[in-house]
N, C-alpha and C. Protein backbone atom coordinates (compact mmCIF):
# COMPACT_ATOMS: atom_id res chain seq x y z
N MET A 1 64.44 179.82 188.68
CA MET A 1 63.52 179.63 189.77
C MET A 1 64.16 178.96 191.04
N LEU A 2 63.82 179.36 192.07
CA LEU A 2 64.32 178.82 193.39
C LEU A 2 63.27 177.88 194.04
N PRO A 3 63.69 176.86 194.71
CA PRO A 3 62.58 176.06 195.37
C PRO A 3 62.10 176.74 196.57
N ASP A 4 60.73 176.43 196.77
CA ASP A 4 60.11 176.96 197.98
C ASP A 4 60.50 176.30 199.20
N SER A 5 59.92 176.59 200.40
CA SER A 5 60.42 176.06 201.71
C SER A 5 60.13 174.51 201.77
N SER A 6 59.20 173.94 200.97
CA SER A 6 59.09 172.46 200.92
C SER A 6 59.95 171.73 199.94
N GLY A 7 60.77 172.53 199.20
CA GLY A 7 61.61 171.98 198.18
C GLY A 7 61.10 171.83 196.77
N ARG A 8 59.90 172.29 196.56
CA ARG A 8 59.28 172.33 195.24
C ARG A 8 59.67 173.47 194.46
N ILE A 9 59.92 173.30 193.17
CA ILE A 9 60.11 174.39 192.31
C ILE A 9 58.95 175.07 191.70
N PHE A 10 57.84 174.16 191.53
CA PHE A 10 56.58 174.71 190.96
C PHE A 10 55.54 174.84 192.06
N ALA A 11 54.54 175.65 191.87
CA ALA A 11 53.37 175.72 192.70
C ALA A 11 52.54 174.58 192.46
N GLY A 12 51.67 174.25 193.37
CA GLY A 12 50.71 173.09 193.32
C GLY A 12 50.04 173.05 192.03
N GLU A 13 49.41 174.10 191.48
CA GLU A 13 48.68 173.93 190.31
C GLU A 13 49.62 173.68 189.04
N GLN A 14 50.84 174.34 189.05
CA GLN A 14 51.72 174.18 188.15
C GLN A 14 52.29 172.75 188.18
N GLN A 15 52.57 172.10 189.34
CA GLN A 15 52.95 170.82 189.43
C GLN A 15 52.05 169.81 188.93
N GLN A 16 50.70 169.96 189.19
CA GLN A 16 49.66 169.18 188.73
C GLN A 16 49.59 169.28 187.22
N LEU A 17 49.67 170.49 186.68
CA LEU A 17 49.59 170.62 185.23
C LEU A 17 50.88 170.00 184.55
N LEU A 18 52.03 170.05 185.22
CA LEU A 18 53.20 169.45 184.64
C LEU A 18 53.03 167.93 184.62
N GLU A 19 52.42 167.31 185.75
CA GLU A 19 52.19 165.88 185.79
C GLU A 19 51.18 165.47 184.70
N VAL A 20 50.15 166.17 184.46
CA VAL A 20 49.08 165.88 183.42
C VAL A 20 49.83 165.88 182.12
N PHE A 21 50.59 166.90 181.86
CA PHE A 21 51.32 167.12 180.56
C PHE A 21 52.27 165.89 180.37
N ALA A 22 52.98 165.46 181.40
CA ALA A 22 53.92 164.33 181.30
C ALA A 22 53.15 163.02 181.05
N SER A 23 51.98 162.86 181.74
CA SER A 23 51.18 161.68 181.55
C SER A 23 50.75 161.59 180.14
N GLN A 24 50.13 162.67 179.61
CA GLN A 24 49.67 162.76 178.16
C GLN A 24 50.71 162.44 177.25
N THR A 25 51.92 163.13 177.40
CA THR A 25 53.13 162.83 176.48
C THR A 25 53.47 161.45 176.50
N ALA A 26 53.45 160.85 177.68
CA ALA A 26 53.89 159.37 177.86
C ALA A 26 52.83 158.57 177.08
N LEU A 27 51.56 158.79 177.11
CA LEU A 27 50.46 158.08 176.49
C LEU A 27 50.68 158.22 174.97
N ALA A 28 51.08 159.46 174.52
CA ALA A 28 51.09 159.74 173.04
C ALA A 28 52.33 158.93 172.54
N ILE A 29 53.46 158.90 173.34
CA ILE A 29 54.66 158.14 172.84
C ILE A 29 54.35 156.66 172.86
N GLU A 30 53.53 156.19 173.85
CA GLU A 30 53.23 154.77 173.92
C GLU A 30 52.30 154.50 172.71
N ARG A 31 51.39 155.27 172.39
CA ARG A 31 50.53 155.01 171.23
C ARG A 31 51.25 154.97 169.91
N THR A 32 52.18 155.89 169.82
CA THR A 32 53.05 155.92 168.65
C THR A 32 53.87 154.62 168.46
N MET A 33 54.46 154.26 169.60
CA MET A 33 55.24 153.05 169.51
C MET A 33 54.38 151.88 169.20
N SER A 34 53.19 151.72 169.73
CA SER A 34 52.26 150.63 169.48
C SER A 34 51.87 150.64 168.01
N GLN A 35 51.53 151.81 167.40
CA GLN A 35 51.26 151.89 166.00
C GLN A 35 52.44 151.50 165.17
N ARG A 36 53.58 151.87 165.55
CA ARG A 36 54.71 151.49 164.70
C ARG A 36 54.97 149.98 164.78
N ALA A 37 54.72 149.44 165.93
CA ALA A 37 54.95 147.96 166.04
C ALA A 37 53.84 147.22 165.30
N GLU A 38 52.67 147.81 165.30
CA GLU A 38 51.45 147.19 164.48
C GLU A 38 51.83 147.26 162.94
N GLU A 39 52.35 148.43 162.59
CA GLU A 39 52.71 148.50 161.10
C GLU A 39 53.76 147.58 160.67
N GLU A 40 54.73 147.35 161.57
CA GLU A 40 55.78 146.51 161.30
C GLU A 40 55.38 145.08 161.22
N THR A 41 54.48 144.67 162.13
CA THR A 41 53.88 143.38 162.08
C THR A 41 53.11 143.07 160.79
N ARG A 42 52.21 144.23 160.38
CA ARG A 42 51.54 144.12 159.14
C ARG A 42 52.44 143.96 158.04
N VAL A 43 53.52 144.74 157.92
CA VAL A 43 54.42 144.58 156.74
C VAL A 43 55.13 143.16 156.76
N HIS A 44 55.45 142.74 157.94
CA HIS A 44 56.10 141.43 158.11
C HIS A 44 55.09 140.34 157.62
N MET A 45 53.86 140.34 157.96
CA MET A 45 52.91 139.37 157.45
C MET A 45 52.74 139.50 155.99
N GLN A 46 52.72 140.57 155.50
CA GLN A 46 52.46 140.83 153.94
C GLN A 46 53.65 140.12 153.24
N THR A 47 54.89 140.39 153.78
CA THR A 47 56.14 139.96 153.22
C THR A 47 56.08 138.45 153.34
N GLU A 48 55.73 137.85 154.35
CA GLU A 48 55.68 136.45 154.41
C GLU A 48 54.69 135.86 153.42
N GLN A 49 53.51 136.49 153.33
CA GLN A 49 52.55 136.04 152.35
C GLN A 49 53.00 136.05 150.90
N MET A 50 53.66 137.20 150.65
CA MET A 50 54.21 137.31 149.35
C MET A 50 55.27 136.23 149.01
N ARG A 51 56.14 136.03 150.00
CA ARG A 51 57.21 135.11 149.95
C ARG A 51 56.59 133.69 149.76
N SER A 52 55.57 133.30 150.43
CA SER A 52 54.93 132.12 150.29
C SER A 52 54.33 131.91 148.91
N SER A 53 53.67 132.97 148.30
CA SER A 53 53.06 132.95 147.06
C SER A 53 54.24 132.73 146.01
N LEU A 54 55.24 133.44 146.17
CA LEU A 54 56.39 133.36 145.17
C LEU A 54 56.92 131.90 145.26
N LEU A 55 57.13 131.41 146.40
CA LEU A 55 57.65 130.01 146.52
C LEU A 55 56.76 129.07 145.79
N SER A 56 55.51 129.19 146.00
CA SER A 56 54.50 128.37 145.39
C SER A 56 54.57 128.50 143.86
N ALA A 57 54.69 129.63 143.27
CA ALA A 57 54.81 129.81 141.89
C ALA A 57 56.04 129.25 141.36
N VAL A 58 57.19 129.61 142.05
CA VAL A 58 58.50 129.06 141.66
C VAL A 58 58.49 127.54 141.66
N SER A 59 58.01 126.96 142.69
CA SER A 59 57.80 125.47 142.80
C SER A 59 57.16 124.92 141.67
N HIS A 60 56.03 125.51 141.32
CA HIS A 60 55.29 125.01 140.13
C HIS A 60 56.09 125.22 138.80
N ASP A 61 56.73 126.39 138.65
CA ASP A 61 57.46 126.69 137.48
C ASP A 61 58.73 125.70 137.37
N LEU A 62 59.25 125.34 138.44
CA LEU A 62 60.44 124.42 138.36
C LEU A 62 59.89 122.84 138.16
N ARG A 63 58.73 122.58 138.68
CA ARG A 63 58.28 121.21 138.54
C ARG A 63 57.85 120.94 137.18
N THR A 64 57.25 121.93 136.38
CA THR A 64 56.66 121.66 135.13
C THR A 64 57.72 121.14 134.13
N PRO A 65 58.88 121.80 133.93
CA PRO A 65 59.83 121.28 133.06
C PRO A 65 60.46 119.95 133.47
N LEU A 66 60.62 119.82 134.85
CA LEU A 66 61.17 118.63 135.36
C LEU A 66 60.23 117.47 135.06
N ALA A 67 58.93 117.72 135.22
CA ALA A 67 57.86 116.59 134.92
C ALA A 67 58.00 116.25 133.48
N SER A 68 58.19 117.22 132.59
CA SER A 68 58.28 116.86 131.13
C SER A 68 59.59 116.03 130.80
N ILE A 69 60.62 116.51 131.46
CA ILE A 69 61.95 115.80 131.27
C ILE A 69 61.89 114.43 131.68
N THR A 70 61.27 114.17 132.85
CA THR A 70 61.09 112.83 133.59
C THR A 70 60.22 111.98 132.73
N GLY A 71 59.07 112.53 132.26
CA GLY A 71 58.15 111.71 131.49
C GLY A 71 58.82 111.31 130.13
N ALA A 72 59.52 112.19 129.44
CA ALA A 72 60.10 111.84 128.15
C ALA A 72 61.16 110.84 128.37
N ALA A 73 62.07 111.09 129.42
CA ALA A 73 63.12 110.18 129.58
C ALA A 73 62.54 108.82 130.04
N SER A 74 61.53 108.72 130.85
CA SER A 74 60.94 107.46 131.22
C SER A 74 60.43 106.72 129.96
N THR A 75 59.71 107.49 129.13
CA THR A 75 59.16 106.75 127.93
C THR A 75 60.28 106.25 127.02
N LEU A 76 61.40 107.03 126.89
CA LEU A 76 62.47 106.48 126.09
C LEU A 76 63.19 105.28 126.75
N ARG A 77 63.23 105.40 128.11
CA ARG A 77 63.90 104.15 128.76
C ARG A 77 63.09 102.95 128.70
N SER A 78 61.76 103.03 128.97
CA SER A 78 60.84 101.95 129.12
C SER A 78 60.49 101.34 127.75
N GLN A 79 60.30 102.32 126.71
CA GLN A 79 59.86 101.82 125.45
C GLN A 79 60.94 101.55 124.42
N GLY A 80 62.19 102.24 124.68
CA GLY A 80 63.30 102.04 123.88
C GLY A 80 63.16 102.02 122.39
N ASP A 81 63.42 100.80 121.81
CA ASP A 81 63.38 100.85 120.25
C ASP A 81 61.99 100.73 119.74
N ARG A 82 61.04 100.41 120.55
CA ARG A 82 59.65 100.36 120.09
C ARG A 82 59.02 101.67 119.73
N VAL A 83 59.58 102.75 120.19
CA VAL A 83 59.19 104.06 119.81
C VAL A 83 59.61 104.43 118.46
N PRO A 84 58.77 104.90 117.60
CA PRO A 84 59.28 105.39 116.31
C PRO A 84 60.31 106.39 116.35
N PHE A 85 61.22 106.36 115.42
CA PHE A 85 62.40 107.22 115.28
C PHE A 85 61.93 108.68 115.47
N GLU A 86 60.84 109.12 114.73
CA GLU A 86 60.54 110.55 114.78
C GLU A 86 60.01 110.90 116.21
N THR A 87 59.27 109.95 116.85
CA THR A 87 58.76 110.28 118.12
C THR A 87 59.92 110.33 119.09
N ARG A 88 60.92 109.46 118.92
CA ARG A 88 62.13 109.59 119.82
C ARG A 88 62.76 110.93 119.61
N GLN A 89 62.98 111.34 118.52
CA GLN A 89 63.56 112.65 118.26
C GLN A 89 62.83 113.73 118.93
N GLU A 90 61.50 113.66 118.78
CA GLU A 90 60.70 114.74 119.50
C GLU A 90 60.77 114.64 121.07
N LEU A 91 60.92 113.42 121.57
CA LEU A 91 61.05 113.31 122.94
C LEU A 91 62.38 113.82 123.41
N LEU A 92 63.53 113.54 122.62
CA LEU A 92 64.82 114.06 122.88
C LEU A 92 64.88 115.49 122.83
N GLN A 93 64.16 116.06 121.73
CA GLN A 93 64.16 117.53 121.71
C GLN A 93 63.34 118.16 122.91
N SER A 94 62.34 117.45 123.33
CA SER A 94 61.56 118.01 124.45
C SER A 94 62.42 117.96 125.71
N ILE A 95 63.18 116.93 125.85
CA ILE A 95 64.05 116.79 127.08
C ILE A 95 65.09 118.05 127.01
N SER A 96 65.64 118.32 125.75
CA SER A 96 66.64 119.32 125.60
C SER A 96 66.04 120.69 125.90
N ASP A 97 64.81 121.00 125.33
CA ASP A 97 64.11 122.23 125.45
C ASP A 97 63.77 122.47 126.92
N GLU A 98 63.21 121.46 127.60
CA GLU A 98 62.77 121.59 129.01
C GLU A 98 64.00 121.84 129.93
N ALA A 99 65.11 121.17 129.55
CA ALA A 99 66.29 121.32 130.38
C ALA A 99 66.79 122.75 130.22
N GLU A 100 66.75 123.21 129.09
CA GLU A 100 67.29 124.63 128.79
C GLU A 100 66.29 125.57 129.63
N ARG A 101 64.95 125.34 129.62
CA ARG A 101 63.98 126.15 130.27
C ARG A 101 64.25 126.13 131.82
N LEU A 102 64.58 124.83 132.28
CA LEU A 102 64.82 124.72 133.65
C LEU A 102 66.09 125.42 134.04
N GLY A 103 67.13 125.38 133.26
CA GLY A 103 68.35 126.12 133.47
C GLY A 103 68.14 127.66 133.49
N ARG A 104 67.33 128.21 132.60
CA ARG A 104 67.10 129.59 132.68
C ARG A 104 66.27 129.92 133.88
N LEU A 105 65.27 129.14 134.32
CA LEU A 105 64.52 129.39 135.53
C LEU A 105 65.51 129.46 136.79
N VAL A 106 66.44 128.49 136.88
CA VAL A 106 67.31 128.40 137.98
C VAL A 106 68.24 129.57 137.92
N GLY A 107 68.75 130.02 136.63
CA GLY A 107 69.59 131.15 136.51
C GLY A 107 68.81 132.38 137.02
N ASN A 108 67.67 132.49 136.61
CA ASN A 108 66.79 133.73 137.01
C ASN A 108 66.63 133.86 138.59
N LEU A 109 66.43 132.68 139.12
CA LEU A 109 66.27 132.56 140.65
C LEU A 109 67.64 132.99 141.27
N LEU A 110 68.74 132.51 140.78
CA LEU A 110 70.03 132.95 141.33
C LEU A 110 70.24 134.40 141.13
N ASP A 111 69.96 134.89 139.96
CA ASP A 111 70.01 136.33 139.74
C ASP A 111 69.25 137.16 140.64
N MET A 112 68.05 136.75 140.87
CA MET A 112 67.13 137.46 141.80
C MET A 112 67.68 137.45 143.16
N THR A 113 68.25 136.33 143.65
CA THR A 113 68.86 136.22 144.90
C THR A 113 70.00 137.13 145.07
N ARG A 114 70.86 137.21 144.03
CA ARG A 114 72.05 138.11 144.02
C ARG A 114 71.51 139.56 144.03
N PHE A 115 70.49 139.75 143.27
CA PHE A 115 69.98 141.19 143.27
C PHE A 115 69.41 141.69 144.58
N GLU A 116 68.72 140.72 145.16
CA GLU A 116 68.12 141.10 146.61
C GLU A 116 69.27 141.25 147.63
N ALA A 117 70.35 140.52 147.42
CA ALA A 117 71.44 140.63 148.37
C ALA A 117 72.32 141.84 148.05
N GLY A 118 72.04 142.53 147.04
CA GLY A 118 72.76 143.66 146.70
C GLY A 118 74.13 143.40 145.86
N GLY A 119 74.20 142.17 145.34
CA GLY A 119 75.34 141.80 144.59
C GLY A 119 75.27 142.00 143.13
N VAL A 120 74.20 142.71 142.69
CA VAL A 120 74.09 142.97 141.22
C VAL A 120 73.79 144.47 141.06
N GLU A 121 74.55 145.02 140.19
CA GLU A 121 74.32 146.54 139.87
C GLU A 121 73.59 146.62 138.56
N LEU A 122 72.65 147.44 138.49
CA LEU A 122 71.86 147.68 137.29
C LEU A 122 72.74 148.46 136.23
N ARG A 123 72.90 147.92 135.10
CA ARG A 123 73.59 148.47 134.13
C ARG A 123 72.70 148.79 132.92
N ARG A 124 72.57 150.03 132.53
CA ARG A 124 71.59 150.37 131.38
C ARG A 124 72.55 150.63 130.17
N ASP A 125 72.21 149.82 129.17
CA ASP A 125 72.98 149.95 127.88
C ASP A 125 71.87 149.92 126.77
N LEU A 126 72.27 150.55 125.75
CA LEU A 126 71.48 150.46 124.49
C LEU A 126 71.74 149.20 123.65
N TYR A 127 70.73 148.55 123.30
CA TYR A 127 70.82 147.35 122.40
C TYR A 127 69.92 147.54 121.17
N PRO A 128 70.26 147.00 120.07
CA PRO A 128 69.36 147.01 118.92
C PRO A 128 68.19 146.17 119.23
N LEU A 129 67.04 146.63 118.87
CA LEU A 129 65.75 145.99 119.08
C LEU A 129 65.78 144.56 118.63
N GLU A 130 66.40 144.35 117.46
CA GLU A 130 66.32 143.11 116.73
C GLU A 130 67.00 142.02 117.63
N GLU A 131 68.01 142.42 118.36
CA GLU A 131 68.78 141.41 119.22
C GLU A 131 67.94 140.95 120.40
N ILE A 132 66.93 141.74 120.74
CA ILE A 132 66.08 141.37 121.85
C ILE A 132 64.82 140.67 121.38
N VAL A 133 64.25 141.19 120.25
CA VAL A 133 62.91 140.63 119.80
C VAL A 133 63.08 139.34 119.12
N GLU A 134 64.15 139.18 118.21
CA GLU A 134 64.36 137.97 117.55
C GLU A 134 64.44 136.69 118.30
N PRO A 135 65.33 136.67 119.31
CA PRO A 135 65.37 135.46 120.17
C PRO A 135 64.10 135.12 120.85
N SER A 136 63.32 136.21 121.25
CA SER A 136 61.98 135.92 121.92
C SER A 136 61.07 135.35 120.99
N SER A 137 61.04 135.96 119.70
CA SER A 137 60.04 135.50 118.76
C SER A 137 60.33 134.08 118.30
N ASN A 138 61.59 133.71 118.25
CA ASN A 138 62.01 132.34 117.99
C ASN A 138 61.55 131.38 119.00
N GLY A 139 61.60 131.81 120.21
CA GLY A 139 61.16 130.93 121.36
C GLY A 139 59.59 130.72 121.22
N TRP A 140 58.94 131.79 120.79
CA TRP A 140 57.40 131.75 120.72
C TRP A 140 57.00 130.78 119.61
N LYS A 141 57.84 130.84 118.49
CA LYS A 141 57.61 130.00 117.38
C LYS A 141 57.70 128.58 117.67
N ARG A 142 58.84 128.26 118.48
CA ARG A 142 59.18 126.92 118.78
C ARG A 142 58.00 126.40 119.81
N SER A 143 57.62 127.26 120.71
CA SER A 143 56.52 126.76 121.55
C SER A 143 55.26 126.54 120.90
N SER A 144 54.85 127.44 119.89
CA SER A 144 53.65 127.27 119.18
C SER A 144 53.71 125.97 118.34
N LYS A 145 54.90 125.70 117.76
CA LYS A 145 54.92 124.46 117.05
C LYS A 145 54.77 123.20 117.85
N ALA A 146 55.34 123.23 119.08
CA ALA A 146 55.27 122.13 119.97
C ALA A 146 53.87 121.90 120.53
N ALA A 147 53.10 123.02 120.68
CA ALA A 147 51.80 122.94 121.24
C ALA A 147 50.81 122.14 120.40
N PRO A 148 50.03 121.32 120.95
CA PRO A 148 49.11 120.39 120.13
C PRO A 148 47.98 121.30 119.49
């Protein structure tokens, strides 16, 4: 197409139609970008909420064994020889158990961090069921005996 005497390529109606089309296209693009930004904001807010909830739960899970360790150690330190031998042994066992629990929690947190950072590869191997169930059931038995 060649331009007319005024330098326009399109006729008046065609030019107007083209401008309307361009305007509508710009509005659609702007709306799409706005929706995308809104979705990103929503996802970010949900992520922060989940992160906050996880931090709260982790904080509680870490403080519980730490409080048990501190309480048992304080009792042993302040009461010393006045605590019956059997009670002292139970307190020492409690300190040991809770320290192991705390170590596992910290280890799990570190593993989770490495996994999120992409530093851990999933390895699927077959294991005998007894090797998995027995240690777990022993832990449950110990916890049920310790529970009042």
